[in-house]
Amino acid sequence: MRVAIAIFASTLLLACGPKKDRVIVETPAWESKQGRHEIRLELIKTMVESEQYKEALQAIRHVRDEGIKDPRLDLLQGMCFARQGLFTEAETMLVRARDQMKRNPDPLHELGILYADSGKTDLAIQAFQSAVEHDDMRAADWNNMGFLLFSEKEYEQASVALRKAIEVDPTKDKYRINLAYSLFGEEKRNEALRVFKSVLNKADAHYNMGVAHELSGEAGKAEEHYQLALNANPMHTQAQEAKDRILKTKEQPK
């Protein structure tokens, strides 16, 4: 009897001991409903960037069928349509995304590309302008706006935008090449050549100067720069073809 009582008492003492703190295990973000949704959006975006448009659209439809409403789905669907050449459908989706994502300039960027591809240059410039007003650190949108302004022969405005693109991202050679063409349009020929040479070898720099002169109707100056390109690189095929084209034009009877 005493043994039994001792065991009971010992058990009772253990049961009444100090309580341990409860360990709360947090669910990883990727296991939450929202986390899974974000992952799916990233996967769809990757499909679009990989030109897997059919698969991306099927994934978007599957998400919508679950009753999920997210304006980013409109954005991604608009991107698919735009890249498939369905401009009207793309504009509808991208405008809807823009109206719902007022603090996000991504729909404006995509609208700018859409309008540029469909020849609506004024609307494209407006879209890129709005994008950089939302976020002035978007180098690609500064560059796109500058390129379109250049195409409209608004050279001074183009140069301002392109300089901003370079300021934000100085690593992109194409931004400087676009700036050089814009400077040429401003009649800043020496500066244009310096900018070309900052990112291109001597032969390519003179070749591009030749192209700029030829586009301006200055065949003689263009020929000079094509020859300078060939002097720097006798194997420069494009410069040789361009020079031959000019010489052939000269030989034609007037």
C-alpha atoms as a PDB file:
ATOM      1  CA  MET A   1       0.000   0.000   0.000  1.00  0.00           C
ATOM      2  CA  ARG A   2       2.770   2.455   0.875  1.00  0.00           C
ATOM      3  CA  VAL A   3       4.502   1.729  -2.428  1.00  0.00           C
ATOM      4  CA  ALA A   4       1.342   2.380  -4.379  1.00  0.00           C
ATOM      5  CA  ILE A   5       0.785   5.679  -2.575  1.00  0.00           C
ATOM      6  CA  ALA A   6       4.367   6.752  -3.270  1.00  0.00           C
ATOM      7  CA  ILE A   7       4.025   6.060  -6.963  1.00  0.00           C
ATOM      8  CA  PHE A   8       0.700   7.938  -7.111  1.00  0.00           C
ATOM      9  CA  ALA A   9       2.187  10.907  -5.312  1.00  0.00           C
ATOM     10  CA  SER A  10       5.156  10.979  -7.651  1.00  0.00           C
ATOM     11  CA  THR A  11       2.898  10.891 -10.665  1.00  0.00           C
ATOM     12  CA  LEU A  12       0.806  13.681  -9.259  1.00  0.00           C
ATOM     13  CA  LEU A  13       3.865  15.807  -8.683  1.00  0.00           C
ATOM     14  CA  LEU A  14       5.011  15.404 -12.278  1.00  0.00           C
ATOM     15  CA  ALA A  15       1.593  16.295 -13.602  1.00  0.00           C
ATOM     16  CA  CYS A  16       1.580  19.516 -11.622  1.00  0.00           C
ATOM     17  CA  GLY A  17       5.061  20.591 -12.722  1.00  0.00           C
ATOM     18  CA  PRO A  18       5.825  23.900 -14.527  1.00  0.00           C
ATOM     19  CA  LYS A  19       4.169  24.350 -17.933  1.00  0.00           C
ATOM     20  CA  LYS A  20       6.431  24.628 -20.964  1.00  0.00           C
ATOM     21  CA  ASP A  21       6.020  27.475 -23.492  1.00  0.00           C
ATOM     22  CA  ARG A  22       4.017  26.489 -26.556  1.00  0.00           C
ATOM     23  CA  VAL A  23       6.014  26.445 -29.807  1.00  0.00           C
ATOM     24  CA  ILE A  24       4.112  28.213 -32.598  1.00  0.00           C
ATOM     25  CA  VAL A  25       5.162  26.982 -36.028  1.00  0.00           C
ATOM     26  CA  GLU A  26       4.524  29.632 -38.672  1.00  0.00           C
ATOM     27  CA  THR A  27       3.382  28.518 -42.110  1.00  0.00           C
ATOM     28  CA  PRO A  28       6.001  29.379 -44.778  1.00  0.00           C
ATOM     29  CA  ALA A  29       4.856  32.183 -47.046  1.00  0.00           C
ATOM     30  CA  TRP A  30       4.884  29.928 -50.089  1.00  0.00           C
ATOM     31  CA  GLU A  31       2.482  27.514 -48.386  1.00  0.00           C
ATOM     32  CA  SER A  32      -0.126  30.198 -47.708  1.00  0.00           C
ATOM     33  CA  LYS A  33      -2.982  30.825 -50.134  1.00  0.00           C
ATOM     34  CA  GLN A  34      -1.588  34.230 -51.098  1.00  0.00           C
ATOM     35  CA  GLY A  35       1.918  32.829 -51.397  1.00  0.00           C
ATOM     36  CA  ARG A  36       0.772  30.129 -53.804  1.00  0.00           C
ATOM     37  CA  HIS A  37      -1.078  32.751 -55.835  1.00  0.00           C
ATOM     38  CA  GLU A  38       2.065  34.909 -56.116  1.00  0.00           C
ATOM     39  CA  ILE A  39       4.081  31.914 -57.264  1.00  0.00           C
ATOM     40  CA  ARG A  40       1.516  31.129 -59.959  1.00  0.00           C
ATOM     41  CA  LEU A  41       1.617  34.718 -61.184  1.00  0.00           C
ATOM     42  CA  GLU A  42       5.401  34.534 -61.459  1.00  0.00           C
ATOM     43  CA  LEU A  43       5.145  31.272 -63.387  1.00  0.00           C
ATOM     44  CA  ILE A  44       2.627  32.822 -65.803  1.00  0.00           C
ATOM     45  CA  LYS A  45       4.896  35.832 -66.264  1.00  0.00           C
ATOM     46  CA  THR A  46       7.777  33.479 -67.074  1.00  0.00           C
ATOM     47  CA  MET A  47       5.588  31.744 -69.669  1.00  0.00           C
ATOM     48  CA  VAL A  48       4.814  35.080 -71.315  1.00  0.00           C
ATOM     49  CA  GLU A  49       8.483  36.068 -71.368  1.00  0.00           C
ATOM     50  CA  SER A  50       9.311  32.643 -72.844  1.00  0.00           C
ATOM     51  CA  GLU A  51       6.693  33.172 -75.591  1.00  0.00           C
ATOM     52  CA  GLN A  52       4.546  30.322 -74.286  1.00  0.00           C
ATOM     53  CA  TYR A  53       1.394  32.347 -74.840  1.00  0.00           C
ATOM     54  CA  LYS A  54      -1.087  29.478 -75.158  1.00  0.00           C
ATOM     55  CA  GLU A  55       0.116  27.929 -71.912  1.00  0.00           C
ATOM     56  CA  ALA A  56       0.049  31.320 -70.169  1.00  0.00           C
ATOM     57  CA  LEU A  57      -3.529  32.010 -71.285  1.00  0.00           C
ATOM     58  CA  GLN A  58      -4.623  28.556 -70.139  1.00  0.00           C
ATOM     59  CA  ALA A  59      -3.048  29.178 -66.728  1.00  0.00           C
ATOM     60  CA  ILE A  60      -4.752  32.588 -66.469  1.00  0.00           C
ATOM     61  CA  ARG A  61      -8.120  31.028 -67.299  1.00  0.00           C
ATOM     62  CA  HIS A  62      -7.549  28.332 -64.667  1.00  0.00           C
ATOM     63  CA  VAL A  63      -6.848  30.958 -62.001  1.00  0.00           C
ATOM     64  CA  ARG A  64      -9.919  32.962 -63.015  1.00  0.00           C
ATOM     65  CA  ASP A  65     -12.049  29.800 -62.862  1.00  0.00           C
ATOM     66  CA  GLU A  66     -11.112  29.552 -59.187  1.00  0.00           C
ATOM     67  CA  GLY A  67     -12.853  32.870 -58.634  1.00  0.00           C
ATOM     68  CA  ILE A  68      -9.624  34.797 -58.054  1.00  0.00           C
ATOM     69  CA  LYS A  69      -9.754  38.442 -59.135  1.00  0.00           C
ATOM     70  CA  ASP A  70      -6.428  40.172 -59.569  1.00  0.00           C
ATOM     71  CA  PRO A  71      -5.724  43.034 -62.025  1.00  0.00           C
ATOM     72  CA  ARG A  72      -2.325  41.500 -62.678  1.00  0.00           C
ATOM     73  CA  LEU A  73      -4.139  38.745 -64.538  1.00  0.00           C
ATOM     74  CA  ASP A  74      -5.513  41.423 -66.877  1.00  0.00           C
ATOM     75  CA  LEU A  75      -1.982  42.752 -67.329  1.00  0.00           C
ATOM     76  CA  LEU A  76      -0.550  39.339 -68.167  1.00  0.00           C
ATOM     77  CA  GLN A  77      -3.432  38.502 -70.487  1.00  0.00           C
ATOM     78  CA  GLY A  78      -2.981  41.849 -72.251  1.00  0.00           C
ATOM     79  CA  MET A  79       0.726  41.133 -72.664  1.00  0.00           C
ATOM     80  CA  CYS A  80      -0.101  37.776 -74.277  1.00  0.00           C
ATOM     81  CA  PHE A  81      -2.595  39.350 -76.668  1.00  0.00           C
ATOM     82  CA  ALA A  82      -0.166  42.132 -77.611  1.00  0.00           C
ATOM     83  CA  ARG A  83       2.611  39.702 -78.435  1.00  0.00           C
ATOM     84  CA  GLN A  84       0.180  37.650 -80.515  1.00  0.00           C
ATOM     85  CA  GLY A  85      -0.761  40.718 -82.539  1.00  0.00           C
ATOM     86  CA  LEU A  86      -4.263  40.994 -81.074  1.00  0.00           C
ATOM     87  CA  PHE A  87      -3.978  44.741 -80.529  1.00  0.00           C
ATOM     88  CA  THR A  88      -7.645  45.557 -79.851  1.00  0.00           C
ATOM     89  CA  GLU A  89      -8.015  42.771 -77.292  1.00  0.00           C
ATOM     90  CA  ALA A  90      -4.670  43.686 -75.744  1.00  0.00           C
ATOM     91  CA  GLU A  91      -5.638  47.347 -75.374  1.00  0.00           C
ATOM     92  CA  THR A  92      -8.879  46.384 -73.623  1.00  0.00           C
ATOM     93  CA  MET A  93      -7.054  44.253 -71.046  1.00  0.00           C
ATOM     94  CA  LEU A  94      -4.171  46.672 -70.512  1.00  0.00           C
ATOM     95  CA  VAL A  95      -6.431  49.695 -70.077  1.00  0.00           C
ATOM     96  CA  ARG A  96      -8.439  47.731 -67.519  1.00  0.00           C
ATOM     97  CA  ALA A  97      -5.235  46.797 -65.708  1.00  0.00           C
ATOM     98  CA  ARG A  98      -4.055  50.418 -65.812  1.00  0.00           C
ATOM     99  CA  ASP A  99      -7.306  51.671 -64.316  1.00  0.00           C
ATOM    100  CA  GLN A 100      -7.105  49.149 -61.464  1.00  0.00           C
ATOM    101  CA  MET A 101      -3.347  49.434 -60.840  1.00  0.00           C
ATOM    102  CA  LYS A 102      -3.086  53.197 -60.539  1.00  0.00           C
ATOM    103  CA  ARG A 103       0.148  53.095 -58.512  1.00  0.00           C
ATOM    104  CA  ASN A 104       1.869  50.566 -60.759  1.00  0.00           C
ATOM    105  CA  PRO A 105       3.427  51.830 -64.021  1.00  0.00           C
ATOM    106  CA  ASP A 106       3.752  48.357 -65.588  1.00  0.00           C
ATOM    107  CA  PRO A 107       0.432  48.567 -67.496  1.00  0.00           C
ATOM    108  CA  LEU A 108       1.521  51.963 -68.861  1.00  0.00           C
ATOM    109  CA  HIS A 109       4.796  50.434 -70.050  1.00  0.00           C
ATOM    110  CA  GLU A 110       2.947  47.659 -71.858  1.00  0.00           C
ATOM    111  CA  LEU A 111       0.461  50.126 -73.358  1.00  0.00           C
ATOM    112  CA  GLY A 112       3.386  52.192 -74.622  1.00  0.00           C
ATOM    113  CA  ILE A 113       4.871  49.186 -76.392  1.00  0.00           C
ATOM    114  CA  LEU A 114       1.455  48.212 -77.779  1.00  0.00           C
ATOM    115  CA  TYR A 115       0.782  51.690 -79.177  1.00  0.00           C
ATOM    116  CA  ALA A 116       4.291  51.945 -80.637  1.00  0.00           C
ATOM    117  CA  ASP A 117       3.927  48.568 -82.372  1.00  0.00           C
ATOM    118  CA  SER A 118       0.537  49.567 -83.788  1.00  0.00           C
ATOM    119  CA  GLY A 119       1.815  52.907 -85.113  1.00  0.00           C
ATOM    120  CA  LYS A 120       0.065  55.095 -82.533  1.00  0.00           C
ATOM    121  CA  THR A 121       3.192  57.061 -81.689  1.00  0.00           C
ATOM    122  CA  ASP A 122       1.495  59.929 -79.843  1.00  0.00           C
ATOM    123  CA  LEU A 123      -0.352  57.551 -77.519  1.00  0.00           C
ATOM    124  CA  ALA A 124       2.832  55.554 -76.989  1.00  0.00           C
ATOM    125  CA  ILE A 125       4.774  58.660 -75.955  1.00  0.00           C
ATOM    126  CA  GLN A 126       1.973  59.622 -73.572  1.00  0.00           C
ATOM    127  CA  ALA A 127       1.999  56.160 -72.000  1.00  0.00           C
ATOM    128  CA  PHE A 128       5.757  56.165 -71.443  1.00  0.00           C
ATOM    129  CA  GLN A 129       5.567  59.734 -70.112  1.00  0.00           C
ATOM    130  CA  SER A 130       2.939  58.644 -67.592  1.00  0.00           C
ATOM    131  CA  ALA A 131       5.068  55.643 -66.609  1.00  0.00           C
ATOM    132  CA  VAL A 132       8.100  57.775 -65.733  1.00  0.00           C
ATOM    133  CA  GLU A 133       5.878  60.240 -63.901  1.00  0.00           C
ATOM    134  CA  HIS A 134       4.887  57.329 -61.662  1.00  0.00           C
ATOM    135  CA  ASP A 135       8.500  56.212 -61.275  1.00  0.00           C
ATOM    136  CA  ASP A 136      11.329  58.279 -62.745  1.00  0.00           C
ATOM    137  CA  MET A 137      13.820  55.437 -62.255  1.00  0.00           C
ATOM    138  CA  ARG A 138      12.413  53.391 -65.148  1.00  0.00           C
ATOM    139  CA  ALA A 139      15.294  53.603 -67.620  1.00  0.00           C
ATOM    140  CA  ALA A 140      13.606  51.507 -70.320  1.00  0.00           C
ATOM    141  CA  ASP A 141      10.620  53.837 -70.411  1.00  0.00           C
ATOM    142  CA  TRP A 142      12.847  56.921 -70.664  1.00  0.00           C
ATOM    143  CA  ASN A 143      14.671  55.225 -73.547  1.00  0.00           C
ATOM    144  CA  ASN A 144      11.466  54.192 -75.296  1.00  0.00           C
ATOM    145  CA  MET A 145      10.054  57.682 -75.005  1.00  0.00           C
ATOM    146  CA  GLY A 146      13.302  59.182 -76.286  1.00  0.00           C
ATOM    147  CA  PHE A 147      13.417  56.829 -79.253  1.00  0.00           C
ATOM    148  CA  LEU A 148       9.841  57.697 -80.236  1.00  0.00           C
ATOM    149  CA  LEU A 149      10.474  61.425 -79.854  1.00  0.00           C
ATOM    150  CA  PHE A 150      13.514  60.980 -82.110  1.00  0.00           C
ATOM    151  CA  SER A 151      11.328  59.230 -84.683  1.00  0.00           C
ATOM    152  CA  GLU A 152       9.043  62.286 -84.584  1.00  0.00           C
ATOM    153  CA  LYS A 153      12.103  64.538 -85.099  1.00  0.00           C
ATOM    154  CA  GLU A 154      11.666  66.070 -81.655  1.00  0.00           C
ATOM    155  CA  TYR A 155      15.398  65.823 -81.162  1.00  0.00           C
ATOM    156  CA  GLU A 156      15.891  68.088 -78.141  1.00  0.00           C
ATOM    157  CA  GLN A 157      13.145  66.390 -76.149  1.00  0.00           C
ATOM    158  CA  ALA A 158      14.460  63.008 -77.261  1.00  0.00           C
ATOM    159  CA  SER A 159      17.943  63.825 -76.002  1.00  0.00           C
ATOM    160  CA  VAL A 160      16.588  64.896 -72.619  1.00  0.00           C
ATOM    161  CA  ALA A 161      14.748  61.599 -72.222  1.00  0.00           C
ATOM    162  CA  LEU A 162      17.690  59.530 -73.439  1.00  0.00           C
ATOM    163  CA  ARG A 163      20.127  61.291 -71.107  1.00  0.00           C
ATOM    164  CA  LYS A 164      17.789  60.430 -68.254  1.00  0.00           C
ATOM    165  CA  ALA A 165      17.750  56.790 -69.359  1.00  0.00           C
ATOM    166  CA  ILE A 166      21.556  56.738 -69.263  1.00  0.00           C
ATOM    167  CA  GLU A 167      21.593  58.465 -65.887  1.00  0.00           C
ATOM    168  CA  VAL A 168      19.315  55.799 -64.434  1.00  0.00           C
ATOM    169  CA  ASP A 169      21.077  52.865 -66.108  1.00  0.00           C
ATOM    170  CA  PRO A 170      24.514  53.694 -67.524  1.00  0.00           C
ATOM    171  CA  THR A 171      25.192  50.058 -68.502  1.00  0.00           C
ATOM    172  CA  LYS A 172      22.944  49.871 -71.590  1.00  0.00           C
ATOM    173  CA  ASP A 173      24.840  50.581 -74.817  1.00  0.00           C
ATOM    174  CA  LYS A 174      21.627  50.978 -76.830  1.00  0.00           C
ATOM    175  CA  TYR A 175      20.637  53.998 -74.760  1.00  0.00           C
ATOM    176  CA  ARG A 176      23.861  55.764 -75.732  1.00  0.00           C
ATOM    177  CA  ILE A 177      23.533  54.766 -79.380  1.00  0.00           C
ATOM    178  CA  ASN A 178      20.018  56.222 -79.448  1.00  0.00           C
ATOM    179  CA  LEU A 179      21.324  59.380 -77.786  1.00  0.00           C
ATOM    180  CA  ALA A 180      24.065  59.694 -80.400  1.00  0.00           C
ATOM    181  CA  TYR A 181      21.484  59.611 -83.212  1.00  0.00           C
ATOM    182  CA  SER A 182      19.386  62.183 -81.384  1.00  0.00           C
ATOM    183  CA  LEU A 183      22.407  64.462 -80.920  1.00  0.00           C
ATOM    184  CA  PHE A 184      23.094  64.122 -84.631  1.00  0.00           C
ATOM    185  CA  GLY A 185      19.554  65.298 -85.255  1.00  0.00           C
ATOM    186  CA  GLU A 186      20.303  68.330 -83.086  1.00  0.00           C
ATOM    187  CA  GLU A 187      23.261  69.094 -85.379  1.00  0.00           C
ATOM    188  CA  LYS A 188      25.677  68.161 -82.583  1.00  0.00           C
ATOM    189  CA  ARG A 189      27.760  65.999 -84.893  1.00  0.00           C
ATOM    190  CA  ASN A 190      31.022  65.942 -82.935  1.00  0.00           C
ATOM    191  CA  GLU A 191      29.262  65.053 -79.711  1.00  0.00           C
ATOM    192  CA  ALA A 192      27.306  62.355 -81.532  1.00  0.00           C
ATOM    193  CA  LEU A 193      30.542  60.771 -82.772  1.00  0.00           C
ATOM    194  CA  ARG A 194      32.024  60.886 -79.261  1.00  0.00           C
ATOM    195  CA  VAL A 195      28.983  59.115 -77.851  1.00  0.00           C
ATOM    196  CA  PHE A 196      29.141  56.469 -80.585  1.00  0.00           C
ATOM    197  CA  LYS A 197      32.816  55.896 -79.784  1.00  0.00           C
ATOM    198  CA  SER A 198      32.032  55.549 -76.061  1.00  0.00           C
ATOM    199  CA  VAL A 199      30.270  52.237 -76.726  1.00  0.00           C
ATOM    200  CA  LEU A 200      31.371  51.127 -80.218  1.00  0.00           C
ATOM    201  CA  ASN A 201      34.695  50.349 -81.829  1.00  0.00           C
ATOM    202  CA  LYS A 202      36.050  52.891 -84.299  1.00  0.00           C
ATOM    203  CA  ALA A 203      34.711  51.108 -87.377  1.00  0.00           C
ATOM    204  CA  ASP A 204      31.188  50.731 -86.001  1.00  0.00           C
ATOM    205  CA  ALA A 205      31.171  54.309 -84.724  1.00  0.00           C
ATOM    206  CA  HIS A 206      31.976  55.688 -88.181  1.00  0.00           C
ATOM    207  CA  TYR A 207      29.537  53.288 -89.820  1.00  0.00           C
ATOM    208  CA  ASN A 208      26.715  54.623 -87.629  1.00  0.00           C
ATOM    209  CA  MET A 209      27.757  58.184 -88.396  1.00  0.00           C
ATOM    210  CA  GLY A 210      27.529  57.243 -92.060  1.00  0.00           C
ATOM    211  CA  VAL A 211      24.022  55.889 -91.541  1.00  0.00           C
ATOM    212  CA  ALA A 212      22.992  59.096 -89.779  1.00  0.00           C
ATOM    213  CA  HIS A 213      24.360  61.234 -92.629  1.00  0.00           C
ATOM    214  CA  GLU A 214      22.707  59.055 -95.253  1.00  0.00           C
ATOM    215  CA  LEU A 215      19.344  59.256 -93.479  1.00  0.00           C
ATOM    216  CA  SER A 216      19.757  63.036 -93.509  1.00  0.00           C
ATOM    217  CA  GLY A 217      20.317  62.995 -97.268  1.00  0.00           C
ATOM    218  CA  GLU A 218      24.030  63.773 -96.981  1.00  0.00           C
ATOM    219  CA  ALA A 219      25.414  61.063 -99.232  1.00  0.00           C
ATOM    220  CA  GLY A 220      28.860  62.617 -99.555  1.00  0.00           C
ATOM    221  CA  LYS A 221      29.416  62.796 -95.800  1.00  0.00           C
ATOM    222  CA  ALA A 222      27.967  59.327 -95.424  1.00  0.00           C
ATOM    223  CA  GLU A 223      30.470  57.932 -97.935  1.00  0.00           C
ATOM    224  CA  GLU A 224      33.337  59.562 -96.027  1.00  0.00           C
ATOM    225  CA  HIS A 225      32.342  57.862 -92.779  1.00  0.00           C
ATOM    226  CA  TYR A 226      31.778  54.510 -94.480  1.00  0.00           C
ATOM    227  CA  GLN A 227      35.320  54.781 -95.824  1.00  0.00           C
ATOM    228  CA  LEU A 228      36.641  55.656 -92.357  1.00  0.00           C
ATOM    229  CA  ALA A 229      34.891  52.561 -91.074  1.00  0.00           C
ATOM    230  CA  LEU A 230      36.599  50.479 -93.777  1.00  0.00           C
ATOM    231  CA  ASN A 231      39.949  52.059 -92.959  1.00  0.00           C
ATOM    232  CA  ALA A 232      39.513  50.886 -89.369  1.00  0.00           C
ATOM    233  CA  ASN A 233      38.174  47.491 -90.421  1.00  0.00           C
ATOM    234  CA  PRO A 234      38.529  46.477 -94.100  1.00  0.00           C
ATOM    235  CA  MET A 235      36.224  43.502 -93.412  1.00  0.00           C
ATOM    236  CA  HIS A 236      33.299  45.649 -92.308  1.00  0.00           C
ATOM    237  CA  THR A 237      30.645  44.205 -94.622  1.00  0.00           C
ATOM    238  CA  GLN A 238      27.884  46.700 -93.811  1.00  0.00           C
ATOM    239  CA  ALA A 239      30.145  49.697 -94.450  1.00  0.00           C
ATOM    240  CA  GLN A 240      31.295  48.224 -97.765  1.00  0.00           C
ATOM    241  CA  GLU A 241      27.737  47.536 -98.894  1.00  0.00           C
ATOM    242  CA  ALA A 242      26.632  51.027 -97.895  1.00  0.00           C
ATOM    243  CA  LYS A 243      29.522  52.649 -99.734  1.00  0.00           C
ATOM    244  CA  ASP A 244      28.881  50.557-102.850  1.00  0.00           C
ATOM    245  CA  ARG A 245      25.227  51.578-102.748  1.00  0.00           C
ATOM    246  CA  ILE A 246      26.149  55.254-102.703  1.00  0.00           C
ATOM    247  CA  LEU A 247      28.682  54.829-105.532  1.00  0.00           C
ATOM    248  CA  LYS A 248      26.113  52.949-107.613  1.00  0.00           C
ATOM    249  CA  THR A 249      23.646  55.798-107.117  1.00  0.00           C
ATOM    250  CA  LYS A 250      26.260  58.292-108.275  1.00  0.00           C
ATOM    251  CA  GLU A 251      26.867  56.312-111.458  1.00  0.00           C
ATOM    252  CA  GLN A 252      23.208  56.266-112.442  1.00  0.00           C
ATOM    253  CA  PRO A 253      22.322  58.748-115.183  1.00  0.00           C
ATOM    254  CA  LYS A 254      20.334  61.732-114.000  1.00  0.00           C
END
